[in-house]
Every structure is written in structure tokens, then in C-alpha cells.
């Protein structure tokens, strides 16, 4: 999915992780997939929030009907995203989350 706005191309720094365009129940969505495999989950979280907000901002102009979702592995959801500060940040920034099983690639939860 190409998210270029003005002269800013937002996919340049994603590496192995990516943003994909999809549909869910006739709703257009963009999914930002994050593994949280870096050395610091907090640093990865900061990066994910920044990218999530940038995608949301660019989609407001390019495809306002498309919503952004952050996809994370089940283990990350269970061990990191249940911390009180992380839960508060997710709520404050209104981050919509897809929890998936990385071994089966199946979605186990949609959280909004």
C-alpha cells in the first residue's frame, strides 16, 4: 500500500514489517503489522504509535474512509499491552488493534 503524501513516503522505514490494505465487513482498513522483536518493547511501542498516527493522518487526506489497525502477535498483546501505561496510551490514542497468532497467521481478536 503506497502512502505518499506531499513529498513524504511513509513506507520507507518499515523493513520486514508492513502496511497492507484490506477490507473487513465491507469496511476499508489499513493494517500496520508490528512484531515488537526489537531489544526494547517500549521503544518499539513508541515507534509503532508514531507510525500509526502518521498513517492515520495521511489516510485522512488520501482515503478518509479507510481506518488504520495495528496488528500485533498474541504474546505481545498478553505480556506487553496489558501493562497499565500501555493500556492507557492505547485508549488515549484510540488505537485499534488486531491480535494474531504468528504461527498460524490467524486473527484471534479485533480490539477497538
PDB file of N, CA and C in Angstrom:
ATOM      1  N   UNK A   1       0.851  -1.161   0.000  1.00  0.00           N
ATOM      2  CA  UNK A   1       0.000   0.000   0.000  1.00  0.00           C
ATOM      3  C   UNK A   1       0.904   1.234   0.000  1.00  0.00           C
ATOM      4  N   UNK A   2       0.723   2.099  -0.960  1.00  0.00           N
ATOM      5  CA  UNK A   2       1.544   3.299  -1.090  1.00  0.00           C
ATOM      6  C   UNK A   2       0.911   4.428  -0.306  1.00  0.00           C
ATOM      7  N   UNK A   3       1.633   4.944   0.688  1.00  0.00           N
ATOM      8  CA  UNK A   3       1.146   6.075   1.471  1.00  0.00           C
ATOM      9  C   UNK A   3       2.106   7.235   1.294  1.00  0.00           C
ATOM     10  N   UNK A   4       2.043   7.863   0.142  1.00  0.00           N
ATOM     11  CA  UNK A   4       2.866   9.033  -0.130  1.00  0.00           C
ATOM     12  C   UNK A   4       1.989  10.261  -0.102  1.00  0.00           C
ATOM     13  N   UNK A   5       2.375  11.214   0.698  1.00  0.00           N
ATOM     14  CA  UNK A   5       1.622  12.451   0.794  1.00  0.00           C
ATOM     15  C   UNK A   5       2.604  13.605   0.721  1.00  0.00           C
ATOM     16  N   UNK A   6       2.328  14.540  -0.164  1.00  0.00           N
ATOM     17  CA  UNK A   6       3.307  15.597  -0.411  1.00  0.00           C
ATOM     18  C   UNK A   6       4.573  14.955  -0.946  1.00  0.00           C
ATOM     19  N   UNK A   7       5.659  15.189  -0.278  1.00  0.00           N
ATOM     20  CA  UNK A   7       6.923  14.565  -0.673  1.00  0.00           C
ATOM     21  C   UNK A   7       7.365  13.520   0.340  1.00  0.00           C
ATOM     22  N   UNK A   8       6.473  13.093   1.214  1.00  0.00           N
ATOM     23  CA  UNK A   8       6.818  12.138   2.268  1.00  0.00           C
ATOM     24  C   UNK A   8       6.273  10.766   1.909  1.00  0.00           C
ATOM     25  N   UNK A   9       7.165   9.792   1.809  1.00  0.00           N
ATOM     26  CA  UNK A   9       6.787   8.412   1.520  1.00  0.00           C
ATOM     27  C   UNK A   9       6.887   7.649   2.830  1.00  0.00           C
ATOM     28  N   UNK A  10       5.756   7.211   3.389  1.00  0.00           N
ATOM     29  CA  UNK A  10       5.713   6.691   4.748  1.00  0.00           C
ATOM     30  C   UNK A  10       6.121   5.235   4.904  1.00  0.00           C
ATOM     31  N   UNK A  11       6.369   4.519   3.845  1.00  0.00           N
ATOM     32  CA  UNK A  11       6.702   3.106   3.983  1.00  0.00           C
ATOM     33  C   UNK A  11       8.201   2.841   3.961  1.00  0.00           C
ATOM     34  N   UNK A  12       9.019   3.837   3.829  1.00  0.00           N
ATOM     35  CA  UNK A  12      10.448   3.644   3.653  1.00  0.00           C
ATOM     36  C   UNK A  12      11.125   2.955   4.825  1.00  0.00           C
ATOM     37  N   UNK A  13      10.630   3.151   6.040  1.00  0.00           N
ATOM     38  CA  UNK A  13      11.341   2.637   7.209  1.00  0.00           C
ATOM     39  C   UNK A  13      10.731   1.377   7.805  1.00  0.00           C
ATOM     40  N   UNK A  14       9.862   0.707   7.102  1.00  0.00           N
ATOM     41  CA  UNK A  14       9.185  -0.435   7.700  1.00  0.00           C
ATOM     42  C   UNK A  14       9.986  -1.737   7.685  1.00  0.00           C
ATOM     43  N   UNK A  15      10.963  -1.885   6.821  1.00  0.00           N
ATOM     44  CA  UNK A  15      11.728  -3.128   6.786  1.00  0.00           C
ATOM     45  C   UNK A  15      10.836  -4.313   6.519  1.00  0.00           C
ATOM     46  N   UNK A  16      10.928  -5.334   7.372  1.00  0.00           N
ATOM     47  CA  UNK A  16      10.147  -6.557   7.186  1.00  0.00           C
ATOM     48  C   UNK A  16       8.692  -6.365   7.587  1.00  0.00           C
ATOM     49  N   UNK A  17       8.422  -5.367   8.401  1.00  0.00           N
ATOM     50  CA  UNK A  17       7.053  -5.112   8.785  1.00  0.00           C
ATOM     51  C   UNK A  17       6.411  -4.255   7.712  1.00  0.00           C
ATOM     52  N   UNK A  18       5.084  -4.232   7.669  1.00  0.00           N
ATOM     53  CA  UNK A  18       4.458  -3.570   6.527  1.00  0.00           C
ATOM     54  C   UNK A  18       3.056  -3.074   6.857  1.00  0.00           C
ATOM     55  N   UNK A  19       2.547  -2.277   5.949  1.00  0.00           N
ATOM     56  CA  UNK A  19       1.159  -1.831   5.997  1.00  0.00           C
ATOM     57  C   UNK A  19       0.466  -2.459   4.804  1.00  0.00           C
ATOM     58  N   UNK A  20      -0.683  -3.064   5.044  1.00  0.00           N
ATOM     59  CA  UNK A  20      -1.438  -3.653   3.942  1.00  0.00           C
ATOM     60  C   UNK A  20      -2.837  -3.052   3.921  1.00  0.00           C
ATOM     61  N   UNK A  21      -3.381  -2.947   2.726  1.00  0.00           N
ATOM     62  CA  UNK A  21      -4.759  -2.502   2.567  1.00  0.00           C
ATOM     63  C   UNK A  21      -5.649  -3.727   2.523  1.00  0.00           C
ATOM     64  N   UNK A  22      -6.816  -3.654   3.149  1.00  0.00           N
ATOM     65  CA  UNK A  22      -7.724  -4.795   3.177  1.00  0.00           C
ATOM     66  C   UNK A  22      -9.141  -4.300   3.377  1.00  0.00           C
ATOM     67  N   UNK A  23     -10.074  -5.254   3.420  1.00  0.00           N
ATOM     68  CA  UNK A  23     -11.459  -4.939   3.743  1.00  0.00           C
ATOM     69  C   UNK A  23     -11.922  -5.881   4.830  1.00  0.00           C
ATOM     70  N   UNK A  24     -12.769  -5.353   5.716  1.00  0.00           N
ATOM     71  CA  UNK A  24     -13.371  -6.146   6.782  1.00  0.00           C
ATOM     72  C   UNK A  24     -14.841  -5.768   6.829  1.00  0.00           C
ATOM     73  N   UNK A  25     -15.696  -6.723   6.548  1.00  0.00           N
ATOM     74  CA  UNK A  25     -17.144  -6.457   6.552  1.00  0.00           C
ATOM     75  C   UNK A  25     -17.494  -5.223   5.720  1.00  0.00           C
ATOM     76  N   UNK A  26     -16.978  -5.165   4.505  1.00  0.00           N
ATOM     77  CA  UNK A  26     -17.196  -4.056   3.572  1.00  0.00           C
ATOM     78  C   UNK A  26     -16.603  -2.731   4.052  1.00  0.00           C
ATOM     79  N   UNK A  27     -15.755  -2.767   5.044  1.00  0.00           N
ATOM     80  CA  UNK A  27     -15.091  -1.579   5.557  1.00  0.00           C
ATOM     81  C   UNK A  27     -13.633  -1.597   5.091  1.00  0.00           C
ATOM     82  N   UNK A  28     -13.166  -0.480   4.528  1.00  0.00           N
ATOM     83  CA  UNK A  28     -11.781  -0.396   4.089  1.00  0.00           C
ATOM     84  C   UNK A  28     -10.892  -0.145   5.293  1.00  0.00           C
ATOM     85  N   UNK A  29      -9.827  -0.958   5.407  1.00  0.00           N
ATOM     86  CA  UNK A  29      -8.894  -0.790   6.510  1.00  0.00           C
ATOM     87  C   UNK A  29      -7.461  -0.828   5.991  1.00  0.00           C
ATOM     88  N   UNK A  30      -6.568  -0.269   6.762  1.00  0.00           N
ATOM     89  CA  UNK A  30      -5.136  -0.400   6.541  1.00  0.00           C
ATOM     90  C   UNK A  30      -4.593  -1.065   7.798  1.00  0.00           C
ATOM     91  N   UNK A  31      -3.758  -2.073   7.627  1.00  0.00           N
ATOM     92  CA  UNK A  31      -3.230  -2.815   8.762  1.00  0.00           C
ATOM     93  C   UNK A  31      -1.732  -2.607   8.839  1.00  0.00           C
ATOM     94  N   UNK A  32      -1.283  -2.054   9.955  1.00  0.00           N
ATOM     95  CA  UNK A  32       0.146  -1.901  10.220  1.00  0.00           C
ATOM     96  C   UNK A  32       0.571  -3.102  11.058  1.00  0.00           C
ATOM     97  N   UNK A  33       1.436  -3.938  10.505  1.00  0.00           N
ATOM     98  CA  UNK A  33       1.864  -5.160  11.179  1.00  0.00           C
ATOM     99  C   UNK A  33       3.170  -4.893  11.914  1.00  0.00           C
ATOM    100  N   UNK A  34       3.189  -5.185  13.206  1.00  0.00           N
ATOM    101  CA  UNK A  34       4.373  -4.987  14.044  1.00  0.00           C
ATOM    102  C   UNK A  34       4.680  -6.264  14.815  1.00  0.00           C
ATOM    103  N   UNK A  35       5.960  -6.623  14.866  1.00  0.00           N
ATOM    104  CA  UNK A  35       6.361  -7.835  15.577  1.00  0.00           C
ATOM    105  C   UNK A  35       6.823  -7.568  16.999  1.00  0.00           C
ATOM    106  N   UNK A  36       7.286  -6.356  17.285  1.00  0.00           N
ATOM    107  CA  UNK A  36       7.849  -5.994  18.584  1.00  0.00           C
ATOM    108  C   UNK A  36       9.038  -6.891  18.931  1.00  0.00           C
ATOM    109  N   UNK A  37       9.857  -7.207  17.952  1.00  0.00           N
ATOM    110  CA  UNK A  37      11.014  -8.072  18.160  1.00  0.00           C
ATOM    111  C   UNK A  37      12.298  -7.313  18.467  1.00  0.00           C
ATOM    112  N   UNK A  38      12.237  -5.990  18.614  1.00  0.00           N
ATOM    113  CA  UNK A  38      13.423  -5.210  18.945  1.00  0.00           C
ATOM    114  C   UNK A  38      13.871  -5.461  20.371  1.00  0.00           C
ATOM    115  N   UNK A  39      14.964  -4.843  20.756  1.00  0.00           N
ATOM    116  CA  UNK A  39      15.509  -5.033  22.097  1.00  0.00           C
ATOM    117  C   UNK A  39      14.631  -4.430  23.176  1.00  0.00           C
ATOM    118  N   UNK A  40      13.923  -3.355  22.863  1.00  0.00           N
ATOM    119  CA  UNK A  40      13.109  -2.673  23.859  1.00  0.00           C
ATOM    120  C   UNK A  40      11.664  -2.590  23.395  1.00  0.00           C
ATOM    121  N   UNK A  41      10.750  -3.297  24.071  1.00  0.00           N
ATOM    122  CA  UNK A  41       9.333  -3.202  23.695  1.00  0.00           C
ATOM    123  C   UNK A  41       8.804  -1.774  23.796  1.00  0.00           C
ATOM    124  N   UNK A  42       9.296  -1.004  24.769  1.00  0.00           N
ATOM    125  CA  UNK A  42       8.834   0.374  24.923  1.00  0.00           C
ATOM    126  C   UNK A  42       9.256   1.198  23.712  1.00  0.00           C
ATOM    127  N   UNK A  43      10.490   1.033  23.274  1.00  0.00           N
ATOM    128  CA  UNK A  43      10.968   1.746  22.090  1.00  0.00           C
ATOM    129  C   UNK A  43      10.177   1.329  20.857  1.00  0.00           C
ATOM    130  N   UNK A  44       9.899   0.048  20.720  1.00  0.00           N
ATOM    131  CA  UNK A  44       9.095  -0.453  19.600  1.00  0.00           C
ATOM    132  C   UNK A  44       7.683   0.123  19.663  1.00  0.00           C
ATOM    133  N   UNK A  45       7.143   0.261  20.872  1.00  0.00           N
ATOM    134  CA  UNK A  45       5.808   0.832  21.052  1.00  0.00           C
ATOM    135  C   UNK A  45       5.788   2.293  20.617  1.00  0.00           C
ATOM    136  N   UNK A  46       6.823   3.047  21.026  1.00  0.00           N
ATOM    137  CA  UNK A  46       6.903   4.453  20.613  1.00  0.00           C
ATOM    138  C   UNK A  46       6.943   4.563  19.095  1.00  0.00           C
ATOM    139  N   UNK A  47       7.739   3.727  18.471  1.00  0.00           N
ATOM    140  CA  UNK A  47       7.848   3.727  17.006  1.00  0.00           C
ATOM    141  C   UNK A  47       6.499   3.362  16.372  1.00  0.00           C
ATOM    142  N   UNK A  48       5.847   2.337  16.914  1.00  0.00           N
ATOM    143  CA  UNK A  48       4.558   1.892  16.365  1.00  0.00           C
ATOM    144  C   UNK A  48       3.504   2.984  16.476  1.00  0.00           C
ATOM    145  N   UNK A  49       3.446   3.675  17.615  1.00  0.00           N
ATOM    146  CA  UNK A  49       2.461   4.746  17.779  1.00  0.00           C
ATOM    147  C   UNK A  49       2.725   5.871  16.789  1.00  0.00           C
ATOM    148  N   UNK A  50       3.990   6.250  16.634  1.00  0.00           N
ATOM    149  CA  UNK A  50       4.322   7.315  15.688  1.00  0.00           C
ATOM    150  C   UNK A  50       3.928   6.958  14.271  1.00  0.00           C
ATOM    151  N   UNK A  51       4.242   5.734  13.857  1.00  0.00           N
ATOM    152  CA  UNK A  51       3.880   5.303  12.512  1.00  0.00           C
ATOM    153  C   UNK A  51       2.370   5.207  12.363  1.00  0.00           C
ATOM    154  N   UNK A  52       1.693   4.667  13.364  1.00  0.00           N
ATOM    155  CA  UNK A  52       0.236   4.545  13.340  1.00  0.00           C
ATOM    156  C   UNK A  52      -0.408   5.922  13.141  1.00  0.00           C
ATOM    157  N   UNK A  53       0.045   6.887  13.907  1.00  0.00           N
ATOM    158  CA  UNK A  53      -0.513   8.243  13.800  1.00  0.00           C
ATOM    159  C   UNK A  53      -0.202   8.865  12.435  1.00  0.00           C
ATOM    160  N   UNK A  54       1.006   8.643  11.909  1.00  0.00           N
ATOM    161  CA  UNK A  54       1.342   9.159  10.578  1.00  0.00           C
ATOM    162  C   UNK A  54       0.467   8.527   9.504  1.00  0.00           C
ATOM    163  N   UNK A  55       0.219   7.228   9.597  1.00  0.00           N
ATOM    164  CA  UNK A  55      -0.646   6.566   8.617  1.00  0.00           C
ATOM    165  C   UNK A  55      -2.063   7.094   8.725  1.00  0.00           C
ATOM    166  N   UNK A  56      -2.537   7.255   9.951  1.00  0.00           N
ATOM    167  CA  UNK A  56      -3.895   7.755  10.150  1.00  0.00           C
ATOM    168  C   UNK A  56      -4.028   9.170   9.571  1.00  0.00           C
ATOM    169  N   UNK A  57      -3.030  10.013   9.814  1.00  0.00           N
ATOM    170  CA  UNK A  57      -3.045  11.373   9.297  1.00  0.00           C
ATOM    171  C   UNK A  57      -3.032  11.394   7.772  1.00  0.00           C
ATOM    172  N   UNK A  58      -2.183  10.576   7.152  1.00  0.00           N
ATOM    173  CA  UNK A  58      -2.119  10.577   5.691  1.00  0.00           C
ATOM    174  C   UNK A  58      -3.383  10.001   5.074  1.00  0.00           C
ATOM    175  N   UNK A  59      -3.967   8.996   5.712  1.00  0.00           N
ATOM    176  CA  UNK A  59      -5.201   8.416   5.179  1.00  0.00           C
ATOM    177  C   UNK A  59      -6.382   9.369   5.293  1.00  0.00           C
ATOM    178  N   UNK A  60      -6.363  10.252   6.278  1.00  0.00           N
ATOM    179  CA  UNK A  60      -7.427  11.259   6.372  1.00  0.00           C
ATOM    180  C   UNK A  60      -7.514  12.062   5.084  1.00  0.00           C
ATOM    181  N   UNK A  61      -6.363  12.283   4.436  1.00  0.00           N
ATOM    182  CA  UNK A  61      -6.336  13.059   3.203  1.00  0.00           C
ATOM    183  C   UNK A  61      -6.481  12.182   1.963  1.00  0.00           C
ATOM    184  N   UNK A  62      -5.811  11.022   1.958  1.00  0.00           N
ATOM    185  CA  UNK A  62      -5.780  10.180   0.763  1.00  0.00           C
ATOM    186  C   UNK A  62      -6.999   9.268   0.630  1.00  0.00           C
ATOM    187  N   UNK A  63      -7.399   8.635   1.722  1.00  0.00           N
ATOM    188  CA  UNK A  63      -8.522   7.694   1.723  1.00  0.00           C
ATOM    189  C   UNK A  63      -9.268   7.831   3.051  1.00  0.00           C
ATOM    190  N   UNK A  64     -10.054   8.865   3.215  1.00  0.00           N
ATOM    191  CA  UNK A  64     -10.684   9.120   4.515  1.00  0.00           C
ATOM    192  C   UNK A  64     -11.623   8.013   4.994  1.00  0.00           C
ATOM    193  N   UNK A  65     -12.064   7.162   4.109  1.00  0.00           N
ATOM    194  CA  UNK A  65     -12.961   6.073   4.522  1.00  0.00           C
ATOM    195  C   UNK A  65     -12.197   4.869   5.081  1.00  0.00           C
ATOM    196  N   UNK A  66     -10.873   4.859   4.965  1.00  0.00           N
ATOM    197  CA  UNK A  66     -10.063   3.714   5.416  1.00  0.00           C
ATOM    198  C   UNK A  66      -9.578   3.953   6.848  1.00  0.00           C
ATOM    199  N   UNK A  67      -9.777   2.952   7.726  1.00  0.00           N
ATOM    200  CA  UNK A  67      -9.322   3.018   9.119  1.00  0.00           C
ATOM    201  C   UNK A  67      -8.024   2.240   9.283  1.00  0.00           C
ATOM    202  N   UNK A  68      -7.187   2.707  10.202  1.00  0.00           N
ATOM    203  CA  UNK A  68      -5.902   2.054  10.460  1.00  0.00           C
ATOM    204  C   UNK A  68      -6.031   1.143  11.676  1.00  0.00           C
ATOM    205  N   UNK A  69      -5.472  -0.058  11.539  1.00  0.00           N
ATOM    206  CA  UNK A  69      -5.409  -1.023  12.634  1.00  0.00           C
ATOM    207  C   UNK A  69      -3.956  -1.400  12.851  1.00  0.00           C
ATOM    208  N   UNK A  70      -3.569  -1.624  14.097  1.00  0.00           N
ATOM    209  CA  UNK A  70      -2.240  -2.093  14.458  1.00  0.00           C
ATOM    210  C   UNK A  70      -2.333  -3.581  14.743  1.00  0.00           C
ATOM    211  N   UNK A  71      -1.598  -4.389  13.972  1.00  0.00           N
ATOM    212  CA  UNK A  71      -1.611  -5.841  14.167  1.00  0.00           C
ATOM    213  C   UNK A  71      -0.386  -6.253  14.972  1.00  0.00           C
ATOM    214  N   UNK A  72      -0.639  -7.016  16.054  1.00  0.00           N
ATOM    215  CA  UNK A  72       0.447  -7.454  16.930  1.00  0.00           C
ATOM    216  C   UNK A  72       0.283  -8.932  17.273  1.00  0.00           C
ATOM    217  N   UNK A  73       1.387  -9.631  17.550  1.00  0.00           N
ATOM    218  CA  UNK A  73       1.301 -11.044  17.944  1.00  0.00           C
ATOM    219  C   UNK A  73       0.602 -11.224  19.290  1.00  0.00           C
ATOM    220  N   UNK A  74      -0.026 -12.381  19.476  1.00  0.00           N
ATOM    221  CA  UNK A  74      -0.738 -12.690  20.724  1.00  0.00           C
ATOM    222  C   UNK A  74       0.137 -12.502  21.957  1.00  0.00           C
ATOM    223  N   UNK A  75       1.357 -12.981  21.892  1.00  0.00           N
ATOM    224  CA  UNK A  75       2.255 -12.906  23.039  1.00  0.00           C
ATOM    225  C   UNK A  75       2.529 -11.448  23.431  1.00  0.00           C
ATOM    226  N   UNK A  76       2.685 -10.585  22.448  1.00  0.00           N
ATOM    227  CA  UNK A  76       2.900  -9.157  22.717  1.00  0.00           C
ATOM    228  C   UNK A  76       1.653  -8.571  23.370  1.00  0.00           C
ATOM    229  N   UNK A  77       0.482  -8.953  22.883  1.00  0.00           N
ATOM    230  CA  UNK A  77      -0.777  -8.473  23.470  1.00  0.00           C
ATOM    231  C   UNK A  77      -0.870  -8.903  24.936  1.00  0.00           C
ATOM    232  N   UNK A  78      -0.570 -10.160  25.209  1.00  0.00           N
ATOM    233  CA  UNK A  78      -0.725 -10.703  26.552  1.00  0.00           C
ATOM    234  C   UNK A  78       0.317 -10.177  27.539  1.00  0.00           C
ATOM    235  N   UNK A  79       1.569 -10.042  27.083  1.00  0.00           N
ATOM    236  CA  UNK A  79       2.639  -9.688  28.017  1.00  0.00           C
ATOM    237  C   UNK A  79       2.957  -8.200  28.074  1.00  0.00           C
ATOM    238  N   UNK A  80       2.760  -7.468  27.003  1.00  0.00           N
ATOM    239  CA  UNK A  80       3.156  -6.060  26.984  1.00  0.00           C
ATOM    240  C   UNK A  80       1.960  -5.120  26.986  1.00  0.00           C
ATOM    241  N   UNK A  81       0.960  -5.407  26.164  1.00  0.00           N
ATOM    242  CA  UNK A  81      -0.165  -4.493  26.015  1.00  0.00           C
ATOM    243  C   UNK A  81      -1.141  -4.520  27.192  1.00  0.00           C
ATOM    244  N   UNK A  82      -0.921  -5.394  28.167  1.00  0.00           N
ATOM    245  CA  UNK A  82      -1.769  -5.422  29.358  1.00  0.00           C
ATOM    246  C   UNK A  82      -1.217  -4.553  30.480  1.00  0.00           C
ATOM    247  N   UNK A  83      -0.043  -3.966  30.286  1.00  0.00           N
ATOM    248  CA  UNK A  83       0.520  -3.068  31.289  1.00  0.00           C
ATOM    249  C   UNK A  83      -0.340  -1.807  31.358  1.00  0.00           C
ATOM    250  N   UNK A  84      -0.575  -1.309  32.577  1.00  0.00           N
ATOM    251  CA  UNK A  84      -1.481  -0.154  32.738  1.00  0.00           C
ATOM    252  C   UNK A  84      -1.118   1.052  31.867  1.00  0.00           C
ATOM    253  N   UNK A  85       0.144   1.425  31.790  1.00  0.00           N
ATOM    254  CA  UNK A  85       0.513   2.590  30.988  1.00  0.00           C
ATOM    255  C   UNK A  85       0.239   2.353  29.512  1.00  0.00           C
ATOM    256  N   UNK A  86       0.538   1.158  29.020  1.00  0.00           N
ATOM    257  CA  UNK A  86       0.322   0.830  27.600  1.00  0.00           C
ATOM    258  C   UNK A  86      -1.174   0.829  27.307  1.00  0.00           C
ATOM    259  N   UNK A  87      -1.967   0.255  28.200  1.00  0.00           N
ATOM    260  CA  UNK A  87      -3.424   0.262  28.024  1.00  0.00           C
ATOM    261  C   UNK A  87      -3.960   1.695  27.968  1.00  0.00           C
ATOM    262  N   UNK A  88      -3.431   2.553  28.830  1.00  0.00           N
ATOM    263  CA  UNK A  88      -3.861   3.951  28.852  1.00  0.00           C
ATOM    264  C   UNK A  88      -3.486   4.655  27.552  1.00  0.00           C
ATOM    265  N   UNK A  89      -2.275   4.391  27.045  1.00  0.00           N
ATOM    266  CA  UNK A  89      -1.835   5.007  25.787  1.00  0.00           C
ATOM    267  C   UNK A  89      -2.705   4.536  24.618  1.00  0.00           C
ATOM    268  N   UNK A  90      -3.000   3.249  24.573  1.00  0.00           N
ATOM    269  CA  UNK A  90      -3.850   2.707  23.503  1.00  0.00           C
ATOM    270  C   UNK A  90      -5.216   3.380  23.545  1.00  0.00           C
ATOM    271  N   UNK A  91      -5.759   3.550  24.730  1.00  0.00           N
ATOM    272  CA  UNK A  91      -7.060   4.200  24.872  1.00  0.00           C
ATOM    273  C   UNK A  91      -6.979   5.675  24.478  1.00  0.00           C
ATOM    274  N   UNK A  92      -5.964   6.370  24.959  1.00  0.00           N
ATOM    275  CA  UNK A  92      -5.826   7.810  24.686  1.00  0.00           C
ATOM    276  C   UNK A  92      -5.684   8.085  23.198  1.00  0.00           C
ATOM    277  N   UNK A  93      -4.851   7.279  22.504  1.00  0.00           N
ATOM    278  CA  UNK A  93      -4.614   7.495  21.079  1.00  0.00           C
ATOM    279  C   UNK A  93      -5.632   6.778  20.193  1.00  0.00           C
ATOM    280  N   UNK A  94      -6.603   6.097  20.823  1.00  0.00           N
ATOM    281  CA  UNK A  94      -7.668   5.396  20.105  1.00  0.00           C
ATOM    282  C   UNK A  94      -7.102   4.451  19.048  1.00  0.00           C
ATOM    283  N   UNK A  95      -6.156   3.615  19.480  1.00  0.00           N
ATOM    284  CA  UNK A  95      -5.508   2.667  18.581  1.00  0.00           C
ATOM    285  C   UNK A  95      -6.371   1.413  18.480  1.00  0.00           C
ATOM    286  N   UNK A  96      -6.700   1.049  17.247  1.00  0.00           N
ATOM    287  CA  UNK A  96      -7.471  -0.167  17.010  1.00  0.00           C
ATOM    288  C   UNK A  96      -6.471  -1.295  16.751  1.00  0.00           C
ATOM    289  N   UNK A  97      -6.674  -2.422  17.421  1.00  0.00           N
ATOM    290  CA  UNK A  97      -5.670  -3.485  17.428  1.00  0.00           C
ATOM    291  C   UNK A  97      -6.240  -4.790  16.887  1.00  0.00           C
ATOM    292  N   UNK A  98      -5.425  -5.446  16.075  1.00  0.00           N
ATOM    293  CA  UNK A  98      -5.684  -6.815  15.633  1.00  0.00           C
ATOM    294  C   UNK A  98      -4.646  -7.684  16.325  1.00  0.00           C
ATOM    295  N   UNK A  99      -5.107  -8.704  17.032  1.00  0.00           N
ATOM    296  CA  UNK A  99      -4.200  -9.661  17.677  1.00  0.00           C
ATOM    297  C   UNK A  99      -4.175 -10.901  16.796  1.00  0.00           C
ATOM    298  N   UNK A 100      -2.957 -11.378  16.478  1.00  0.00           N
ATOM    299  CA  UNK A 100      -2.851 -12.543  15.604  1.00  0.00           C
ATOM    300  C   UNK A 100      -1.871 -13.562  16.150  1.00  0.00           C
ATOM    301  N   UNK A 101      -2.064 -14.797  15.713  1.00  0.00           N
ATOM    302  CA  UNK A 101      -1.150 -15.887  16.045  1.00  0.00           C
ATOM    303  C   UNK A 101      -0.102 -15.936  14.940  1.00  0.00           C
ATOM    304  N   UNK A 102       1.166 -15.647  15.252  1.00  0.00           N
ATOM    305  CA  UNK A 102       2.179 -15.605  14.198  1.00  0.00           C
ATOM    306  C   UNK A 102       2.487 -16.968  13.575  1.00  0.00           C
ATOM    307  N   UNK A 103       2.202 -18.047  14.282  1.00  0.00           N
ATOM    308  CA  UNK A 103       2.466 -19.388  13.737  1.00  0.00           C
ATOM    309  C   UNK A 103       1.410 -19.806  12.714  1.00  0.00           C
ATOM    310  N   UNK A 104       0.163 -19.439  12.977  1.00  0.00           N
ATOM    311  CA  UNK A 104      -0.921 -19.844  12.079  1.00  0.00           C
ATOM    312  C   UNK A 104      -1.392 -18.707  11.175  1.00  0.00           C
ATOM    313  N   UNK A 105      -0.953 -17.482  11.487  1.00  0.00           N
ATOM    314  CA  UNK A 105      -1.384 -16.264  10.779  1.00  0.00           C
ATOM    315  C   UNK A 105      -2.877 -15.987  10.938  1.00  0.00           C
ATOM    316  N   UNK A 106      -3.497 -16.584  11.947  1.00  0.00           N
ATOM    317  CA  UNK A 106      -4.921 -16.355  12.181  1.00  0.00           C
ATOM    318  C   UNK A 106      -5.126 -15.203  13.154  1.00  0.00           C
ATOM    319  N   UNK A 107      -6.156 -14.408  12.875  1.00  0.00           N
ATOM    320  CA  UNK A 107      -6.522 -13.320  13.765  1.00  0.00           C
ATOM    321  C   UNK A 107      -7.312 -13.903  14.932  1.00  0.00           C
ATOM    322  N   UNK A 108      -6.890 -13.552  16.148  1.00  0.00           N
ATOM    323  CA  UNK A 108      -7.575 -14.081  17.333  1.00  0.00           C
ATOM    324  C   UNK A 108      -8.449 -13.032  18.001  1.00  0.00           C
ATOM    325  N   UNK A 109      -8.232 -11.729  17.715  1.00  0.00           N
ATOM    326  CA  UNK A 109      -9.072 -10.697  18.322  1.00  0.00           C
ATOM    327  C   UNK A 109      -8.976  -9.401  17.528  1.00  0.00           C
ATOM    328  N   UNK A 110     -10.109  -8.699  17.480  1.00  0.00           N
ATOM    329  CA  UNK A 110     -10.197  -7.335  16.959  1.00  0.00           C
ATOM    330  C   UNK A 110     -10.549  -6.473  18.149  1.00  0.00           C
ATOM    331  N   UNK A 111      -9.708  -5.506  18.496  1.00  0.00           N
ATOM    332  CA  UNK A 111      -9.929  -4.699  19.687  1.00  0.00           C
ATOM    333  C   UNK A 111     -10.008  -3.226  19.281  1.00  0.00           C
ATOM    334  N   UNK A 112     -11.185  -2.630  19.534  1.00  0.00           N
ATOM    335  CA  UNK A 112     -11.347  -1.202  19.251  1.00  0.00           C
ATOM    336  C   UNK A 112     -12.142  -0.524  20.320  1.00  0.00           C
TER     337      UNK A 112
END
